[in-house]
Amino acid sequence: MVRQDSKSAGTVLLVEDDAAVRSALKFALELEGFQVRLYDGPTALLSDRHLPRRACLVVDFQMPVMDGLEMIEVLRTRDVRLPAVIIASHLTADLRRRAGRAGIGLVLEKPLSDGKLVESIRAALASDAA
């Protein structure tokens, strides 16, 4: 059942190279009322010239071409400063440190099962709106 307030929930830009994970996350996030735009990797997102001004990035860390943090750094050189959540199959202290240095405090480990992703997206969108 899709929430009635789907337009107010916000937009998620999902960058994930695994088609099955991408599809499952899209479905789950749409059930929570988010509008979801899918990208199969950094190249697809970085070539999109029409990124919304208000959205939350949900980015897989380990991807071909460049990792999720490198992609976010490229966006920032383009003055795109959307809030971001990094998702990773294996969290390490080094990944958390790198994310922290990049200003990303939200790093979640797959599998995503306890509602933490939705809470993180809502918090990121709320802080971005403030």
Foldseek 3Di string as FASTA:
>chain_A
DADPQLVPLFEEEEEAQDPVVQVVVCVVVRSPSYHYDYHNHLVRVVVDPDDDLAYEYEAEQDDPPHGPLVSVVVVVVVVRDQAYAYEYQDDDPVVCVSCVVSVHNHYYYPPDDDCPVSVVRSVRRVVVVD
